[in-house]
């Protein structure tokens, strides 16, 4: 399944560094999740952004989705999504987040939300992204993107 189907250029932020500034302590995982919900909420398939924010933050508190190697993939299945929706954030210089398994700054954030009754699409996209995130060259291509369209093309590539 092609993850790019669930992403729109309007939900790609290539300037997370600017959003969170150069604060020495870095942003909190909660602040990052808030920002990703703001991007996700631009989709008409997000029902209630406030409830989505609560669902995603609560899920991140239980099990943070900091994968290491500069990647975070916050995700939640919630009734606040009519269908699968994604957002991508890139921090070219990296964001220092407490709790990363390897201490590496986070450069790539892929947020995924979907309804709890659509396991198939959610799990297929999650698996596909998980496989692709093991490819350092693919991750580097996403992080080096200068335009949202480049992110969509990279997500759609095999």
N, C-alpha and C. Protein backbone atom coordinates (compact mmCIF):
# COMPACT_ATOMS: atom_id res chain seq x y z
N UNK A 1 0.85 -1.18 0.00
CA UNK A 1 0.00 0.00 0.00
C UNK A 1 0.89 1.24 0.00
N UNK A 2 0.53 2.20 -0.80
CA UNK A 2 1.30 3.42 -0.96
C UNK A 2 0.93 4.45 0.12
N UNK A 3 1.83 4.73 1.08
CA UNK A 3 1.51 5.69 2.14
C UNK A 3 1.22 7.10 1.63
N UNK A 4 1.75 7.46 0.47
CA UNK A 4 1.54 8.80 -0.07
C UNK A 4 0.06 9.08 -0.34
N UNK A 5 -0.74 8.03 -0.50
CA UNK A 5 -2.20 8.20 -0.72
C UNK A 5 -2.87 8.92 0.43
N UNK A 6 -2.27 8.86 1.60
CA UNK A 6 -2.91 9.39 2.81
C UNK A 6 -2.30 10.71 3.27
N UNK A 7 -1.47 11.29 2.40
CA UNK A 7 -0.78 12.53 2.72
C UNK A 7 -1.07 13.56 1.65
N UNK A 8 -1.15 14.80 2.07
CA UNK A 8 -1.34 15.93 1.16
C UNK A 8 -0.20 16.91 1.43
N UNK A 9 0.21 17.65 0.42
CA UNK A 9 1.31 18.60 0.60
C UNK A 9 1.04 19.59 1.72
N UNK A 10 -0.23 19.90 1.98
CA UNK A 10 -0.56 20.85 3.05
C UNK A 10 -0.26 20.29 4.43
N UNK A 11 -0.06 18.98 4.52
CA UNK A 11 0.25 18.36 5.80
C UNK A 11 1.72 17.97 5.91
N UNK A 12 2.56 18.64 5.15
CA UNK A 12 4.01 18.44 5.21
C UNK A 12 4.64 19.73 5.70
N UNK A 13 5.37 19.64 6.80
CA UNK A 13 6.07 20.80 7.36
C UNK A 13 7.56 20.52 7.29
N UNK A 14 8.24 21.27 6.43
CA UNK A 14 9.68 21.08 6.25
C UNK A 14 10.51 22.03 7.10
N UNK A 15 9.88 22.65 8.08
CA UNK A 15 10.57 23.65 8.91
C UNK A 15 10.30 23.46 10.40
N UNK A 16 10.35 22.23 10.87
CA UNK A 16 10.13 22.01 12.30
C UNK A 16 11.18 22.75 13.14
N UNK A 17 12.39 22.89 12.60
CA UNK A 17 13.44 23.63 13.32
C UNK A 17 12.95 25.04 13.65
N UNK A 18 12.33 25.69 12.66
CA UNK A 18 11.85 27.06 12.86
C UNK A 18 10.67 27.11 13.82
N UNK A 19 9.81 26.10 13.76
CA UNK A 19 8.64 26.07 14.64
C UNK A 19 9.06 26.00 16.10
N UNK A 20 10.05 25.18 16.38
CA UNK A 20 10.46 24.97 17.76
C UNK A 20 11.72 25.73 18.15
N UNK A 21 12.26 26.51 17.22
CA UNK A 21 13.42 27.34 17.53
C UNK A 21 14.64 26.52 17.89
N UNK A 22 15.59 27.18 18.44
CA UNK A 22 16.85 26.53 18.80
C UNK A 22 16.99 26.40 20.31
N UNK A 23 15.89 26.17 21.00
CA UNK A 23 15.91 26.00 22.45
C UNK A 23 16.84 24.85 22.81
N UNK A 24 17.75 25.11 23.73
CA UNK A 24 18.75 24.11 24.10
C UNK A 24 18.11 22.83 24.62
N UNK A 25 17.01 22.96 25.36
CA UNK A 25 16.35 21.79 25.92
C UNK A 25 15.51 21.05 24.89
N UNK A 26 15.21 21.69 23.78
CA UNK A 26 14.38 21.06 22.76
C UNK A 26 12.92 21.08 23.16
N UNK A 27 12.04 20.75 22.23
CA UNK A 27 10.62 20.74 22.53
C UNK A 27 10.26 19.47 23.30
N UNK A 28 9.10 19.47 23.88
CA UNK A 28 8.61 18.25 24.52
C UNK A 28 7.94 17.39 23.44
N UNK A 29 7.83 16.12 23.73
CA UNK A 29 7.13 15.23 22.82
C UNK A 29 5.67 15.67 22.68
N UNK A 30 5.11 16.20 23.75
CA UNK A 30 3.74 16.68 23.72
C UNK A 30 3.59 17.88 22.78
N UNK A 31 4.55 18.80 22.83
CA UNK A 31 4.51 19.96 21.93
C UNK A 31 4.62 19.52 20.48
N UNK A 32 5.46 18.55 20.23
CA UNK A 32 5.61 18.03 18.87
C UNK A 32 4.31 17.35 18.42
N UNK A 33 3.70 16.57 19.30
CA UNK A 33 2.42 15.92 18.98
C UNK A 33 1.35 16.97 18.69
N UNK A 34 1.32 18.05 19.48
CA UNK A 34 0.37 19.14 19.24
C UNK A 34 0.53 19.72 17.84
N UNK A 35 1.77 19.95 17.45
CA UNK A 35 2.03 20.53 16.14
C UNK A 35 1.59 19.57 15.03
N UNK A 36 1.85 18.29 15.21
CA UNK A 36 1.46 17.32 14.19
C UNK A 36 -0.06 17.25 14.08
N UNK A 37 -0.77 17.37 15.20
CA UNK A 37 -2.24 17.38 15.16
C UNK A 37 -2.73 18.61 14.39
N UNK A 38 -2.06 19.75 14.56
CA UNK A 38 -2.44 20.93 13.79
C UNK A 38 -2.36 20.65 12.29
N UNK A 39 -1.32 19.93 11.88
CA UNK A 39 -1.19 19.57 10.46
C UNK A 39 -2.29 18.58 10.05
N UNK A 40 -2.49 17.55 10.87
CA UNK A 40 -3.51 16.55 10.57
C UNK A 40 -4.90 17.16 10.47
N UNK A 41 -5.16 18.16 11.30
CA UNK A 41 -6.49 18.77 11.38
C UNK A 41 -6.87 19.53 10.12
N UNK A 42 -5.93 19.75 9.21
CA UNK A 42 -6.28 20.41 7.95
C UNK A 42 -7.04 19.46 7.02
N UNK A 43 -7.06 18.17 7.36
CA UNK A 43 -7.81 17.20 6.56
C UNK A 43 -9.28 17.21 6.96
N UNK A 44 -10.15 17.11 5.95
CA UNK A 44 -11.58 17.03 6.25
C UNK A 44 -11.94 15.69 6.89
N UNK A 45 -11.00 14.75 6.91
CA UNK A 45 -11.25 13.45 7.53
C UNK A 45 -10.95 13.43 9.02
N UNK A 46 -10.52 14.56 9.57
CA UNK A 46 -10.36 14.69 11.01
C UNK A 46 -11.63 15.33 11.55
N UNK A 47 -12.28 14.61 12.47
CA UNK A 47 -13.59 15.03 12.96
C UNK A 47 -13.48 16.14 14.00
N UNK A 48 -12.70 15.90 15.05
CA UNK A 48 -12.59 16.83 16.16
C UNK A 48 -11.12 16.96 16.56
N UNK A 49 -10.45 18.02 16.12
CA UNK A 49 -9.02 18.16 16.40
C UNK A 49 -8.68 18.17 17.89
N UNK A 50 -9.54 18.73 18.72
CA UNK A 50 -9.27 18.78 20.16
C UNK A 50 -9.25 17.38 20.75
N UNK A 51 -10.22 16.58 20.40
CA UNK A 51 -10.26 15.20 20.89
C UNK A 51 -9.13 14.38 20.29
N UNK A 52 -8.80 14.63 19.02
CA UNK A 52 -7.67 13.94 18.39
C UNK A 52 -6.38 14.26 19.14
N UNK A 53 -6.21 15.53 19.48
CA UNK A 53 -5.02 15.96 20.23
C UNK A 53 -4.92 15.17 21.55
N UNK A 54 -6.03 15.08 22.27
CA UNK A 54 -6.05 14.33 23.53
C UNK A 54 -5.72 12.87 23.31
N UNK A 55 -6.31 12.27 22.27
CA UNK A 55 -6.06 10.85 21.99
C UNK A 55 -4.60 10.60 21.65
N UNK A 56 -4.03 11.44 20.80
CA UNK A 56 -2.63 11.24 20.39
C UNK A 56 -1.68 11.47 21.56
N UNK A 57 -1.91 12.52 22.32
CA UNK A 57 -1.02 12.81 23.45
C UNK A 57 -1.12 11.71 24.51
N UNK A 58 -2.33 11.24 24.79
CA UNK A 58 -2.48 10.15 25.75
C UNK A 58 -1.77 8.88 25.28
N UNK A 59 -1.85 8.60 23.99
CA UNK A 59 -1.17 7.43 23.44
C UNK A 59 0.35 7.60 23.55
N UNK A 60 0.84 8.80 23.28
CA UNK A 60 2.28 9.06 23.37
C UNK A 60 2.77 8.99 24.81
N UNK A 61 1.95 9.37 25.75
CA UNK A 61 2.34 9.27 27.17
C UNK A 61 2.49 7.81 27.59
N UNK A 62 1.61 6.96 27.07
CA UNK A 62 1.67 5.53 27.42
C UNK A 62 2.85 4.83 26.75
N UNK A 63 3.08 5.14 25.49
CA UNK A 63 4.14 4.48 24.73
C UNK A 63 4.69 5.45 23.69
N UNK A 64 5.71 6.22 24.06
CA UNK A 64 6.28 7.19 23.12
C UNK A 64 6.74 6.52 21.83
N UNK A 65 6.52 7.19 20.74
CA UNK A 65 6.84 6.63 19.43
C UNK A 65 8.16 7.16 18.88
N UNK A 66 9.11 7.37 19.77
CA UNK A 66 10.44 7.78 19.36
C UNK A 66 11.19 6.51 18.96
N UNK A 67 11.44 6.33 17.68
CA UNK A 67 11.99 5.09 17.17
C UNK A 67 13.51 5.03 17.21
N UNK A 68 14.15 6.18 17.36
CA UNK A 68 15.61 6.22 17.26
C UNK A 68 16.02 6.51 15.84
N UNK A 69 17.31 6.67 15.62
CA UNK A 69 17.87 6.96 14.31
C UNK A 69 17.28 8.23 13.70
N UNK A 70 16.83 9.16 14.59
CA UNK A 70 16.32 10.44 14.13
C UNK A 70 14.87 10.42 13.68
N UNK A 71 14.11 9.39 14.07
CA UNK A 71 12.74 9.23 13.58
C UNK A 71 11.75 9.11 14.74
N UNK A 72 10.61 9.76 14.57
CA UNK A 72 9.48 9.58 15.48
C UNK A 72 8.25 9.30 14.62
N UNK A 73 7.40 8.41 15.09
CA UNK A 73 6.20 8.08 14.33
C UNK A 73 4.99 8.03 15.26
N UNK A 74 4.53 9.22 15.72
CA UNK A 74 3.34 9.23 16.58
C UNK A 74 2.13 8.73 15.80
N UNK A 75 1.35 7.87 16.43
CA UNK A 75 0.20 7.29 15.74
C UNK A 75 -0.86 6.90 16.76
N UNK A 76 -2.10 6.92 16.29
CA UNK A 76 -3.21 6.51 17.15
C UNK A 76 -4.39 6.13 16.28
N UNK A 77 -5.13 5.16 16.74
CA UNK A 77 -6.41 4.82 16.12
C UNK A 77 -7.48 5.45 16.98
N UNK A 78 -8.33 6.23 16.34
CA UNK A 78 -9.28 7.06 17.08
C UNK A 78 -10.53 7.30 16.25
N UNK A 79 -11.62 7.49 16.94
CA UNK A 79 -12.88 7.82 16.26
C UNK A 79 -12.85 9.25 15.70
N UNK A 80 -11.80 9.98 15.98
CA UNK A 80 -11.69 11.36 15.48
C UNK A 80 -11.17 11.41 14.04
N UNK A 81 -10.90 10.24 13.46
CA UNK A 81 -10.48 10.17 12.06
C UNK A 81 -11.49 9.32 11.30
N UNK A 82 -12.00 9.86 10.21
CA UNK A 82 -12.94 9.11 9.38
C UNK A 82 -12.23 8.04 8.56
N UNK A 83 -10.99 8.36 8.15
CA UNK A 83 -10.15 7.41 7.43
C UNK A 83 -8.70 7.75 7.74
N UNK A 84 -7.79 6.95 7.25
CA UNK A 84 -6.37 7.14 7.53
C UNK A 84 -5.89 8.49 7.01
N UNK A 85 -5.15 9.20 7.86
CA UNK A 85 -4.60 10.51 7.51
C UNK A 85 -3.17 10.56 8.04
N UNK A 86 -2.28 11.15 7.26
CA UNK A 86 -0.88 11.29 7.68
C UNK A 86 -0.43 12.74 7.61
N UNK A 87 0.61 13.05 8.39
CA UNK A 87 1.30 14.33 8.32
C UNK A 87 2.79 14.03 8.50
N UNK A 88 3.62 14.84 7.89
CA UNK A 88 5.08 14.65 7.98
C UNK A 88 5.72 15.96 8.38
N UNK A 89 6.67 15.87 9.30
CA UNK A 89 7.46 17.02 9.71
C UNK A 89 8.94 16.69 9.58
N UNK A 90 9.70 17.67 9.12
CA UNK A 90 11.15 17.50 8.96
C UNK A 90 11.86 18.61 9.72
N UNK A 91 12.84 18.21 10.52
CA UNK A 91 13.71 19.16 11.22
C UNK A 91 15.12 18.93 10.68
N UNK A 92 15.56 19.76 9.76
CA UNK A 92 16.84 19.55 9.10
C UNK A 92 18.00 19.49 10.10
N UNK A 93 17.95 20.33 11.12
CA UNK A 93 19.02 20.33 12.12
C UNK A 93 18.75 19.34 13.25
N UNK A 94 17.54 18.86 13.35
CA UNK A 94 17.17 17.90 14.38
C UNK A 94 16.62 18.56 15.63
N UNK A 95 15.70 17.87 16.28
CA UNK A 95 15.10 18.33 17.53
C UNK A 95 15.55 17.40 18.64
N UNK A 96 16.07 17.98 19.70
CA UNK A 96 16.48 17.18 20.84
C UNK A 96 15.25 16.89 21.69
N UNK A 97 14.88 15.62 21.76
CA UNK A 97 13.72 15.21 22.53
C UNK A 97 14.17 14.23 23.61
N UNK A 98 13.66 14.45 24.80
CA UNK A 98 13.98 13.54 25.89
C UNK A 98 13.31 12.19 25.63
N UNK A 99 14.05 11.13 25.83
CA UNK A 99 13.47 9.80 25.70
C UNK A 99 13.78 9.08 24.40
N UNK A 100 14.56 9.71 23.51
CA UNK A 100 14.92 8.97 22.30
C UNK A 100 15.81 7.80 22.70
N UNK A 101 15.60 6.63 22.11
CA UNK A 101 16.33 5.45 22.54
C UNK A 101 17.84 5.51 22.31
N UNK A 102 18.27 6.30 21.33
CA UNK A 102 19.70 6.36 21.03
C UNK A 102 20.30 7.76 21.24
N UNK A 103 19.48 8.70 21.74
CA UNK A 103 19.97 10.05 21.98
C UNK A 103 20.12 10.91 20.74
N UNK A 104 19.78 10.37 19.59
CA UNK A 104 19.88 11.13 18.33
C UNK A 104 18.76 12.16 18.24
N UNK A 105 19.07 13.36 17.73
CA UNK A 105 18.01 14.35 17.51
C UNK A 105 17.00 13.84 16.47
N UNK A 106 15.75 14.19 16.65
CA UNK A 106 14.70 13.77 15.73
C UNK A 106 14.69 14.69 14.53
N UNK A 107 14.81 14.10 13.34
CA UNK A 107 14.81 14.85 12.10
C UNK A 107 13.57 14.59 11.25
N UNK A 108 12.93 13.45 11.49
CA UNK A 108 11.77 13.07 10.69
C UNK A 108 10.65 12.62 11.61
N UNK A 109 9.47 13.22 11.42
CA UNK A 109 8.28 12.85 12.18
C UNK A 109 7.19 12.50 11.19
N UNK A 110 6.67 11.29 11.33
CA UNK A 110 5.55 10.85 10.48
C UNK A 110 4.40 10.52 11.42
N UNK A 111 3.35 11.32 11.36
CA UNK A 111 2.17 11.11 12.21
C UNK A 111 1.10 10.39 11.41
N UNK A 112 0.49 9.39 12.05
CA UNK A 112 -0.56 8.60 11.41
C UNK A 112 -1.75 8.51 12.35
N UNK A 113 -2.92 8.82 11.83
CA UNK A 113 -4.16 8.60 12.59
C UNK A 113 -5.15 7.88 11.68
N UNK A 114 -5.92 7.01 12.30
CA UNK A 114 -6.92 6.28 11.54
C UNK A 114 -8.03 5.82 12.46
N UNK A 115 -9.16 5.47 11.89
CA UNK A 115 -10.28 5.01 12.71
C UNK A 115 -10.00 3.60 13.24
N UNK A 116 -10.52 3.27 14.41
CA UNK A 116 -10.26 1.96 15.00
C UNK A 116 -10.89 0.80 14.22
N UNK A 117 -11.85 1.10 13.37
CA UNK A 117 -12.53 0.04 12.63
C UNK A 117 -11.88 -0.26 11.28
N UNK A 118 -10.78 0.43 10.94
CA UNK A 118 -10.09 0.19 9.67
C UNK A 118 -8.67 -0.30 9.94
N UNK A 119 -8.57 -1.49 10.51
CA UNK A 119 -7.26 -2.06 10.84
C UNK A 119 -6.40 -2.30 9.61
N UNK A 120 -7.00 -2.73 8.55
CA UNK A 120 -6.24 -3.15 7.37
C UNK A 120 -5.33 -2.05 6.84
N UNK A 121 -5.90 -0.90 6.51
CA UNK A 121 -5.11 0.20 5.94
C UNK A 121 -4.08 0.69 6.95
N UNK A 122 -4.51 0.85 8.19
CA UNK A 122 -3.63 1.37 9.24
C UNK A 122 -2.40 0.47 9.41
N UNK A 123 -2.63 -0.82 9.53
CA UNK A 123 -1.53 -1.75 9.75
C UNK A 123 -0.64 -1.89 8.51
N UNK A 124 -1.23 -1.85 7.34
CA UNK A 124 -0.43 -1.94 6.12
C UNK A 124 0.49 -0.73 5.96
N UNK A 125 -0.04 0.45 6.21
CA UNK A 125 0.78 1.66 6.09
C UNK A 125 1.85 1.68 7.18
N UNK A 126 1.48 1.33 8.39
CA UNK A 126 2.44 1.30 9.50
C UNK A 126 3.57 0.32 9.20
N UNK A 127 3.23 -0.85 8.69
CA UNK A 127 4.24 -1.85 8.35
C UNK A 127 5.14 -1.36 7.21
N UNK A 128 4.53 -0.79 6.18
CA UNK A 128 5.29 -0.30 5.02
C UNK A 128 6.27 0.79 5.45
N UNK A 129 5.80 1.72 6.27
CA UNK A 129 6.69 2.78 6.74
C UNK A 129 7.79 2.21 7.62
N UNK A 130 7.43 1.27 8.50
CA UNK A 130 8.43 0.65 9.35
C UNK A 130 9.55 0.00 8.55
N UNK A 131 9.19 -0.67 7.47
CA UNK A 131 10.19 -1.28 6.60
C UNK A 131 11.06 -0.22 5.94
N UNK A 132 10.43 0.83 5.44
CA UNK A 132 11.18 1.89 4.73
C UNK A 132 12.09 2.67 5.67
N UNK A 133 11.66 2.82 6.93
CA UNK A 133 12.46 3.60 7.87
C UNK A 133 13.76 2.90 8.25
N UNK A 134 13.92 1.65 7.91
CA UNK A 134 15.18 0.94 8.13
C UNK A 134 16.22 1.29 7.08
N UNK A 135 15.78 1.92 6.00
CA UNK A 135 16.65 2.30 4.89
C UNK A 135 17.15 3.73 5.13
N UNK A 136 18.41 3.85 5.56
CA UNK A 136 18.98 5.16 5.88
C UNK A 136 18.94 6.13 4.70
N UNK A 137 19.15 5.62 3.49
CA UNK A 137 19.13 6.48 2.31
C UNK A 137 17.72 7.05 2.08
N UNK A 138 16.71 6.25 2.32
CA UNK A 138 15.33 6.70 2.14
C UNK A 138 14.99 7.78 3.17
N UNK A 139 15.38 7.56 4.41
CA UNK A 139 15.16 8.56 5.47
C UNK A 139 15.90 9.85 5.12
N UNK A 140 17.14 9.72 4.67
CA UNK A 140 17.93 10.91 4.29
C UNK A 140 17.27 11.67 3.16
N UNK A 141 16.64 10.95 2.22
CA UNK A 141 15.93 11.60 1.11
C UNK A 141 14.76 12.43 1.63
N UNK A 142 14.02 11.90 2.60
CA UNK A 142 12.91 12.64 3.19
C UNK A 142 13.42 13.87 3.94
N UNK A 143 14.46 13.69 4.73
CA UNK A 143 14.99 14.79 5.53
C UNK A 143 15.58 15.88 4.65
N UNK A 144 16.13 15.52 3.51
CA UNK A 144 16.74 16.50 2.60
C UNK A 144 15.72 17.22 1.72
N UNK A 145 14.47 16.80 1.78
CA UNK A 145 13.43 17.39 0.92
C UNK A 145 13.35 18.91 1.12
N UNK A 146 13.24 19.61 0.01
CA UNK A 146 13.11 21.06 0.05
C UNK A 146 11.69 21.51 -0.30
N UNK A 147 10.89 20.58 -0.82
CA UNK A 147 9.51 20.88 -1.20
C UNK A 147 8.62 19.72 -0.77
N UNK A 148 7.39 20.00 -0.35
CA UNK A 148 6.48 18.93 0.07
C UNK A 148 6.29 17.84 -0.98
N UNK A 149 6.30 18.20 -2.24
CA UNK A 149 6.14 17.20 -3.30
C UNK A 149 7.23 16.15 -3.29
N UNK A 150 8.43 16.53 -2.88
CA UNK A 150 9.53 15.56 -2.78
C UNK A 150 9.24 14.53 -1.71
N UNK A 151 8.60 14.94 -0.63
CA UNK A 151 8.22 14.01 0.44
C UNK A 151 7.20 13.02 -0.09
N UNK A 152 6.20 13.52 -0.80
CA UNK A 152 5.18 12.63 -1.36
C UNK A 152 5.78 11.64 -2.35
N UNK A 153 6.69 12.10 -3.19
CA UNK A 153 7.34 11.20 -4.15
C UNK A 153 8.17 10.14 -3.44
N UNK A 154 8.88 10.55 -2.39
CA UNK A 154 9.70 9.58 -1.65
C UNK A 154 8.81 8.55 -0.95
N UNK A 155 7.69 9.00 -0.38
CA UNK A 155 6.78 8.06 0.28
C UNK A 155 6.16 7.10 -0.72
N UNK A 156 5.95 7.55 -1.95
CA UNK A 156 5.34 6.71 -2.97
C UNK A 156 6.32 5.82 -3.69
N UNK A 157 7.62 6.04 -3.48
CA UNK A 157 8.62 5.23 -4.18
C UNK A 157 8.70 3.83 -3.59
N UNK A 158 9.15 2.89 -4.37
CA UNK A 158 9.24 1.50 -3.89
C UNK A 158 10.58 1.27 -3.30
